[in-house]
Amino acid sequence: MNKRTYTKRARAEKENETRKRILDATLAMWAENGPAATTITAVAARAGVQRLTLYRHFGEEAALASAAWSHLENEAPPPDPAGWASVGDPARRTRKALRALYRYYRDNAAVLGPLLRDAPQVSSLADAVRTRERYLTGVIATIEAGWNARGRAKAAMLEATFRHAVRFSTWQSITDAGLADRDAARLIERWIRALARKAR
């Protein structure tokens, strides 16, 4: 019985190791080539497994894409909005949130850049895109509280600014122009301040 238990445990550990190797290979290929150019054959070769082995772990491309996205978020989770939700001052909360988000973008830019660029073209990433959009909606909800715009037109501009601020492409554009992450966050906060006043 002990020998059988040990054998089962060893087999499970080997299966988990193989699965992780496949997921790591997928993320590496996404970073190098983007999801749109990443093939099952290339991932299997990178992971050092047969295609049949890959399909045994992930029955189809969509399952692999979903698992790879989950693996990325487990290895490098995006910042939790609870970390800044309790900050009462809207300007300070906005800066703190954007600094955390932009630091996350910088730390994971190698894979996030190609992934977000290709995601609209890769149907197997549709669930991941929806998950990300829900997350960003939550981020916006925590930073927009306490800001009031003067008038309907400015309210619409303020909402657009929040949505623009949390995008990877926004961080990329601003920091590519030479600003550090902290300065990028402060710049966005000043844009918001110009459109809004704090609730009293």
C-alpha atoms as a PDB file:
ATOM      1  CA  MET A   1       0.000   0.000   0.000  1.00  0.00           C
ATOM      2  CA  ASN A   2       2.804   2.434   0.879  1.00  0.00           C
ATOM      3  CA  LYS A   3       4.598   1.621  -2.361  1.00  0.00           C
ATOM      4  CA  ARG A   4       1.417   2.237  -4.346  1.00  0.00           C
ATOM      5  CA  THR A   5       0.835   5.551  -2.548  1.00  0.00           C
ATOM      6  CA  TYR A   6       4.406   6.640  -3.225  1.00  0.00           C
ATOM      7  CA  THR A   7       4.079   5.675  -6.898  1.00  0.00           C
ATOM      8  CA  LYS A   8       0.854   7.658  -7.265  1.00  0.00           C
ATOM      9  CA  ARG A   9       2.395  10.662  -5.559  1.00  0.00           C
ATOM     10  CA  ALA A  10       5.508  10.503  -7.745  1.00  0.00           C
ATOM     11  CA  ARG A  11       3.359  10.224 -10.872  1.00  0.00           C
ATOM     12  CA  ALA A  12       1.230  13.197  -9.805  1.00  0.00           C
ATOM     13  CA  GLU A  13       4.334  15.292  -9.125  1.00  0.00           C
ATOM     14  CA  LYS A  14       5.731  14.407 -12.546  1.00  0.00           C
ATOM     15  CA  GLU A  15       2.424  15.328 -14.194  1.00  0.00           C
ATOM     16  CA  ASN A  16       2.365  18.680 -12.367  1.00  0.00           C
ATOM     17  CA  GLU A  17       5.958  19.349 -13.385  1.00  0.00           C
ATOM     18  CA  THR A  18       5.147  18.576 -17.017  1.00  0.00           C
ATOM     19  CA  ARG A  19       2.076  20.793 -16.894  1.00  0.00           C
ATOM     20  CA  LYS A  20       4.080  23.691 -15.445  1.00  0.00           C
ATOM     21  CA  ARG A  21       6.767  23.227 -18.080  1.00  0.00           C
ATOM     22  CA  ILE A  22       4.145  23.478 -20.814  1.00  0.00           C
ATOM     23  CA  LEU A  23       2.636  26.619 -19.281  1.00  0.00           C
ATOM     24  CA  ASP A  24       6.038  28.252 -18.804  1.00  0.00           C
ATOM     25  CA  ALA A  25       6.870  27.424 -22.421  1.00  0.00           C
ATOM     26  CA  THR A  26       3.592  28.963 -23.580  1.00  0.00           C
ATOM     27  CA  LEU A  27       4.274  32.222 -21.748  1.00  0.00           C
ATOM     28  CA  ALA A  28       7.828  32.303 -23.079  1.00  0.00           C
ATOM     29  CA  MET A  29       6.555  31.834 -26.633  1.00  0.00           C
ATOM     30  CA  TRP A  30       3.912  34.526 -26.104  1.00  0.00           C
ATOM     31  CA  ALA A  31       6.625  36.925 -24.938  1.00  0.00           C
ATOM     32  CA  GLU A  32       8.865  36.137 -27.911  1.00  0.00           C
ATOM     33  CA  ASN A  33       6.355  35.868 -30.740  1.00  0.00           C
ATOM     34  CA  GLY A  34       2.921  36.809 -29.398  1.00  0.00           C
ATOM     35  CA  PRO A  35      -0.024  34.420 -28.991  1.00  0.00           C
ATOM     36  CA  ALA A  36      -1.113  34.829 -32.617  1.00  0.00           C
ATOM     37  CA  ALA A  37       2.164  33.336 -33.858  1.00  0.00           C
ATOM     38  CA  THR A  38       2.490  30.677 -31.153  1.00  0.00           C
ATOM     39  CA  THR A  39       1.642  27.165 -32.288  1.00  0.00           C
ATOM     40  CA  ILE A  40       0.957  24.006 -30.313  1.00  0.00           C
ATOM     41  CA  THR A  41       3.904  22.366 -32.051  1.00  0.00           C
ATOM     42  CA  ALA A  42       6.249  25.179 -31.008  1.00  0.00           C
ATOM     43  CA  VAL A  43       5.047  25.084 -27.400  1.00  0.00           C
ATOM     44  CA  ALA A  44       5.495  21.304 -27.218  1.00  0.00           C
ATOM     45  CA  ALA A  45       9.021  21.588 -28.614  1.00  0.00           C
ATOM     46  CA  ARG A  46       9.890  24.399 -26.196  1.00  0.00           C
ATOM     47  CA  ALA A  47       8.548  22.368 -23.260  1.00  0.00           C
ATOM     48  CA  GLY A  48      10.356  19.232 -24.404  1.00  0.00           C
ATOM     49  CA  VAL A  49       7.199  17.126 -24.710  1.00  0.00           C
ATOM     50  CA  GLN A  50       5.291  15.412 -27.491  1.00  0.00           C
ATOM     51  CA  ARG A  51       2.189  17.033 -28.943  1.00  0.00           C
ATOM     52  CA  LEU A  52       0.135  14.125 -27.596  1.00  0.00           C
ATOM     53  CA  THR A  53       1.468  14.836 -24.114  1.00  0.00           C
ATOM     54  CA  LEU A  54       0.445  18.468 -24.429  1.00  0.00           C
ATOM     55  CA  TYR A  55      -3.029  17.504 -25.610  1.00  0.00           C
ATOM     56  CA  ARG A  56      -3.352  15.071 -22.736  1.00  0.00           C
ATOM     57  CA  HIS A  57      -2.922  17.967 -20.318  1.00  0.00           C
ATOM     58  CA  PHE A  58      -4.829  20.531 -22.381  1.00  0.00           C
ATOM     59  CA  GLY A  59      -7.445  19.091 -24.681  1.00  0.00           C
ATOM     60  CA  GLU A  60      -7.556  22.070 -27.009  1.00  0.00           C
ATOM     61  CA  GLU A  61      -5.888  25.381 -27.730  1.00  0.00           C
ATOM     62  CA  ALA A  62      -8.471  27.350 -25.751  1.00  0.00           C
ATOM     63  CA  ALA A  63      -7.790  25.253 -22.653  1.00  0.00           C
ATOM     64  CA  LEU A  64      -4.043  25.880 -22.981  1.00  0.00           C
ATOM     65  CA  ALA A  65      -4.542  29.632 -23.473  1.00  0.00           C
ATOM     66  CA  SER A  66      -6.851  29.865 -20.462  1.00  0.00           C
ATOM     67  CA  ALA A  67      -4.490  27.845 -18.274  1.00  0.00           C
ATOM     68  CA  ALA A  68      -1.487  29.907 -19.389  1.00  0.00           C
ATOM     69  CA  TRP A  69      -3.299  33.134 -18.527  1.00  0.00           C
ATOM     70  CA  SER A  70      -4.232  31.745 -15.091  1.00  0.00           C
ATOM     71  CA  HIS A  71      -0.637  30.600 -14.611  1.00  0.00           C
ATOM     72  CA  LEU A  72       0.614  34.106 -15.400  1.00  0.00           C
ATOM     73  CA  GLU A  73      -1.779  35.650 -12.892  1.00  0.00           C
ATOM     74  CA  ASN A  74      -0.798  33.105 -10.239  1.00  0.00           C
ATOM     75  CA  GLU A  75       2.908  33.690 -10.809  1.00  0.00           C
ATOM     76  CA  ALA A  76       2.548  37.480 -11.081  1.00  0.00           C
ATOM     77  CA  PRO A  77      -0.878  38.573  -9.802  1.00  0.00           C
ATOM     78  CA  PRO A  78      -2.103  42.064 -10.645  1.00  0.00           C
ATOM     79  CA  PRO A  79      -2.310  44.462  -7.695  1.00  0.00           C
ATOM     80  CA  ASP A  80      -5.310  44.066  -5.402  1.00  0.00           C
ATOM     81  CA  PRO A  81      -7.566  47.171  -5.322  1.00  0.00           C
ATOM     82  CA  ALA A  82      -8.063  46.534  -1.607  1.00  0.00           C
ATOM     83  CA  GLY A  83      -4.537  47.872  -1.196  1.00  0.00           C
ATOM     84  CA  TRP A  84      -5.658  51.412  -1.969  1.00  0.00           C
ATOM     85  CA  ALA A  85      -9.455  51.334  -1.575  1.00  0.00           C
ATOM     86  CA  SER A  86      -9.238  52.562   2.025  1.00  0.00           C
ATOM     87  CA  VAL A  87      -7.283  55.725   1.111  1.00  0.00           C
ATOM     88  CA  GLY A  88      -9.740  58.551   1.653  1.00  0.00           C
ATOM     89  CA  ASP A  89      -8.128  61.298  -0.401  1.00  0.00           C
ATOM     90  CA  PRO A  90      -9.041  60.760  -4.092  1.00  0.00           C
ATOM     91  CA  ALA A  91      -5.809  62.215  -5.457  1.00  0.00           C
ATOM     92  CA  ARG A  92      -3.592  60.117  -3.188  1.00  0.00           C
ATOM     93  CA  ARG A  93      -5.695  57.011  -3.863  1.00  0.00           C
ATOM     94  CA  THR A  94      -5.411  57.559  -7.609  1.00  0.00           C
ATOM     95  CA  ARG A  95      -1.640  57.972  -7.455  1.00  0.00           C
ATOM     96  CA  LYS A  96      -1.225  54.909  -5.234  1.00  0.00           C
ATOM     97  CA  ALA A  97      -3.414  52.768  -7.486  1.00  0.00           C
ATOM     98  CA  LEU A  98      -1.713  53.838 -10.698  1.00  0.00           C
ATOM     99  CA  ARG A  99       1.769  53.414  -9.240  1.00  0.00           C
ATOM    100  CA  ALA A 100       0.904  49.848  -8.248  1.00  0.00           C
ATOM    101  CA  LEU A 101      -0.683  49.116 -11.612  1.00  0.00           C
ATOM    102  CA  TYR A 102       2.163  50.658 -13.589  1.00  0.00           C
ATOM    103  CA  ARG A 103       4.753  48.764 -11.536  1.00  0.00           C
ATOM    104  CA  TYR A 104       2.871  45.563 -12.385  1.00  0.00           C
ATOM    105  CA  TYR A 105       2.884  46.518 -16.056  1.00  0.00           C
ATOM    106  CA  ARG A 106       6.624  47.162 -15.994  1.00  0.00           C
ATOM    107  CA  ASP A 107       7.422  43.900 -14.207  1.00  0.00           C
ATOM    108  CA  ASN A 108       5.377  41.895 -16.731  1.00  0.00           C
ATOM    109  CA  ALA A 109       5.699  43.987 -19.875  1.00  0.00           C
ATOM    110  CA  ALA A 110       7.612  41.306 -21.798  1.00  0.00           C
ATOM    111  CA  VAL A 111       4.590  39.005 -21.902  1.00  0.00           C
ATOM    112  CA  LEU A 112       1.748  41.494 -21.413  1.00  0.00           C
ATOM    113  CA  GLY A 113       2.734  43.593 -24.428  1.00  0.00           C
ATOM    114  CA  PRO A 114       2.486  40.822 -27.050  1.00  0.00           C
ATOM    115  CA  LEU A 115      -0.418  39.200 -25.209  1.00  0.00           C
ATOM    116  CA  LEU A 116      -2.612  42.305 -25.158  1.00  0.00           C
ATOM    117  CA  ARG A 117      -1.584  43.233 -28.698  1.00  0.00           C
ATOM    118  CA  ASP A 118      -2.653  39.854 -30.107  1.00  0.00           C
ATOM    119  CA  ALA A 119      -5.589  39.049 -27.825  1.00  0.00           C
ATOM    120  CA  PRO A 120      -8.277  40.541 -30.134  1.00  0.00           C
ATOM    121  CA  GLN A 121      -7.097  38.228 -32.933  1.00  0.00           C
ATOM    122  CA  VAL A 122      -6.940  35.052 -30.812  1.00  0.00           C
ATOM    123  CA  SER A 123     -10.384  33.666 -30.020  1.00  0.00           C
ATOM    124  CA  SER A 124      -8.992  31.286 -27.405  1.00  0.00           C
ATOM    125  CA  LEU A 125      -8.080  34.325 -25.283  1.00  0.00           C
ATOM    126  CA  ALA A 126     -11.624  35.730 -25.204  1.00  0.00           C
ATOM    127  CA  ASP A 127     -12.251  34.561 -21.628  1.00  0.00           C
ATOM    128  CA  ALA A 128      -8.941  36.016 -20.478  1.00  0.00           C
ATOM    129  CA  VAL A 129      -9.805  39.354 -22.087  1.00  0.00           C
ATOM    130  CA  ARG A 130     -13.168  39.420 -20.300  1.00  0.00           C
ATOM    131  CA  THR A 131     -11.474  38.589 -16.989  1.00  0.00           C
ATOM    132  CA  ARG A 132      -9.014  41.430 -17.492  1.00  0.00           C
ATOM    133  CA  GLU A 133     -11.763  43.888 -18.366  1.00  0.00           C
ATOM    134  CA  ARG A 134     -13.651  42.991 -15.174  1.00  0.00           C
ATOM    135  CA  TYR A 135     -10.478  43.557 -13.179  1.00  0.00           C
ATOM    136  CA  LEU A 136      -9.859  46.969 -14.750  1.00  0.00           C
ATOM    137  CA  THR A 137     -13.489  47.934 -14.138  1.00  0.00           C
ATOM    138  CA  GLY A 138     -12.902  47.168 -10.466  1.00  0.00           C
ATOM    139  CA  VAL A 139      -9.750  49.280 -10.437  1.00  0.00           C
ATOM    140  CA  ILE A 140     -11.627  52.207 -11.964  1.00  0.00           C
ATOM    141  CA  ALA A 141     -14.422  51.853  -9.414  1.00  0.00           C
ATOM    142  CA  THR A 142     -11.971  52.210  -6.530  1.00  0.00           C
ATOM    143  CA  ILE A 143     -10.143  55.260  -7.867  1.00  0.00           C
ATOM    144  CA  GLU A 144     -13.048  57.296  -9.234  1.00  0.00           C
ATOM    145  CA  ALA A 145     -14.863  57.611  -5.891  1.00  0.00           C
ATOM    146  CA  GLY A 146     -14.671  61.106  -4.467  1.00  0.00           C
ATOM    147  CA  TRP A 147     -13.966  62.920  -7.729  1.00  0.00           C
ATOM    148  CA  ASN A 148     -16.732  65.187  -9.013  1.00  0.00           C
ATOM    149  CA  ALA A 149     -16.747  66.777 -12.442  1.00  0.00           C
ATOM    150  CA  ARG A 150     -18.391  70.131 -13.117  1.00  0.00           C
ATOM    151  CA  GLY A 151     -20.989  69.470 -15.787  1.00  0.00           C
ATOM    152  CA  ARG A 152     -21.984  66.556 -17.999  1.00  0.00           C
ATOM    153  CA  ALA A 153     -19.285  67.114 -20.619  1.00  0.00           C
ATOM    154  CA  LYS A 154     -16.496  67.119 -18.041  1.00  0.00           C
ATOM    155  CA  ALA A 155     -18.012  64.074 -16.332  1.00  0.00           C
ATOM    156  CA  ALA A 156     -17.763  62.201 -19.628  1.00  0.00           C
ATOM    157  CA  MET A 157     -14.171  63.358 -20.096  1.00  0.00           C
ATOM    158  CA  LEU A 158     -13.353  62.302 -16.548  1.00  0.00           C
ATOM    159  CA  GLU A 159     -14.772  58.824 -17.130  1.00  0.00           C
ATOM    160  CA  ALA A 160     -12.796  58.529 -20.366  1.00  0.00           C
ATOM    161  CA  THR A 161      -9.638  59.586 -18.533  1.00  0.00           C
ATOM    162  CA  PHE A 162     -10.089  56.894 -15.889  1.00  0.00           C
ATOM    163  CA  ARG A 163     -10.589  54.251 -18.558  1.00  0.00           C
ATOM    164  CA  HIS A 164      -7.545  55.497 -20.459  1.00  0.00           C
ATOM    165  CA  ALA A 165      -5.394  55.684 -17.328  1.00  0.00           C
ATOM    166  CA  VAL A 166      -5.592  51.994 -16.417  1.00  0.00           C
ATOM    167  CA  ARG A 167      -4.637  50.688 -19.869  1.00  0.00           C
ATOM    168  CA  PHE A 168      -1.321  48.978 -20.477  1.00  0.00           C
ATOM    169  CA  SER A 169      -1.008  50.925 -23.730  1.00  0.00           C
ATOM    170  CA  THR A 170      -1.322  54.208 -21.801  1.00  0.00           C
ATOM    171  CA  TRP A 171       1.447  53.250 -19.398  1.00  0.00           C
ATOM    172  CA  GLN A 172       3.565  52.094 -22.333  1.00  0.00           C
ATOM    173  CA  SER A 173       3.073  55.308 -24.292  1.00  0.00           C
ATOM    174  CA  ILE A 174       3.829  57.627 -21.371  1.00  0.00           C
ATOM    175  CA  THR A 175       6.863  55.739 -20.089  1.00  0.00           C
ATOM    176  CA  ASP A 176       8.239  55.248 -23.609  1.00  0.00           C
ATOM    177  CA  ALA A 177       8.295  59.056 -23.751  1.00  0.00           C
ATOM    178  CA  GLY A 178      10.759  59.000 -20.864  1.00  0.00           C
ATOM    179  CA  LEU A 179       8.692  59.290 -17.675  1.00  0.00           C
ATOM    180  CA  ALA A 180       9.241  57.003 -14.689  1.00  0.00           C
ATOM    181  CA  ASP A 181       6.245  55.048 -13.411  1.00  0.00           C
ATOM    182  CA  ARG A 182       5.740  57.372 -10.425  1.00  0.00           C
ATOM    183  CA  ASP A 183       5.826  60.426 -12.657  1.00  0.00           C
ATOM    184  CA  ALA A 184       3.410  58.785 -15.106  1.00  0.00           C
ATOM    185  CA  ALA A 185       0.969  58.164 -12.254  1.00  0.00           C
ATOM    186  CA  ARG A 186       1.310  61.763 -11.069  1.00  0.00           C
ATOM    187  CA  LEU A 187       0.735  63.070 -14.599  1.00  0.00           C
ATOM    188  CA  ILE A 188      -2.526  61.130 -14.888  1.00  0.00           C
ATOM    189  CA  GLU A 189      -3.632  62.338 -11.461  1.00  0.00           C
ATOM    190  CA  ARG A 190      -3.014  65.926 -12.575  1.00  0.00           C
ATOM    191  CA  TRP A 191      -5.098  65.354 -15.704  1.00  0.00           C
ATOM    192  CA  ILE A 192      -7.919  64.137 -13.490  1.00  0.00           C
ATOM    193  CA  ARG A 193      -7.482  67.046 -11.111  1.00  0.00           C
ATOM    194  CA  ALA A 194      -7.824  69.451 -14.014  1.00  0.00           C
ATOM    195  CA  LEU A 195     -11.174  67.935 -14.913  1.00  0.00           C
ATOM    196  CA  ALA A 196     -12.631  67.434 -11.500  1.00  0.00           C
ATOM    197  CA  ARG A 197     -12.846  68.719  -7.999  1.00  0.00           C
ATOM    198  CA  LYS A 198     -12.867  66.667  -4.829  1.00  0.00           C
ATOM    199  CA  ALA A 199     -16.268  65.902  -3.359  1.00  0.00           C
ATOM    200  CA  ARG A 200     -16.968  67.919  -0.260  1.00  0.00           C
END
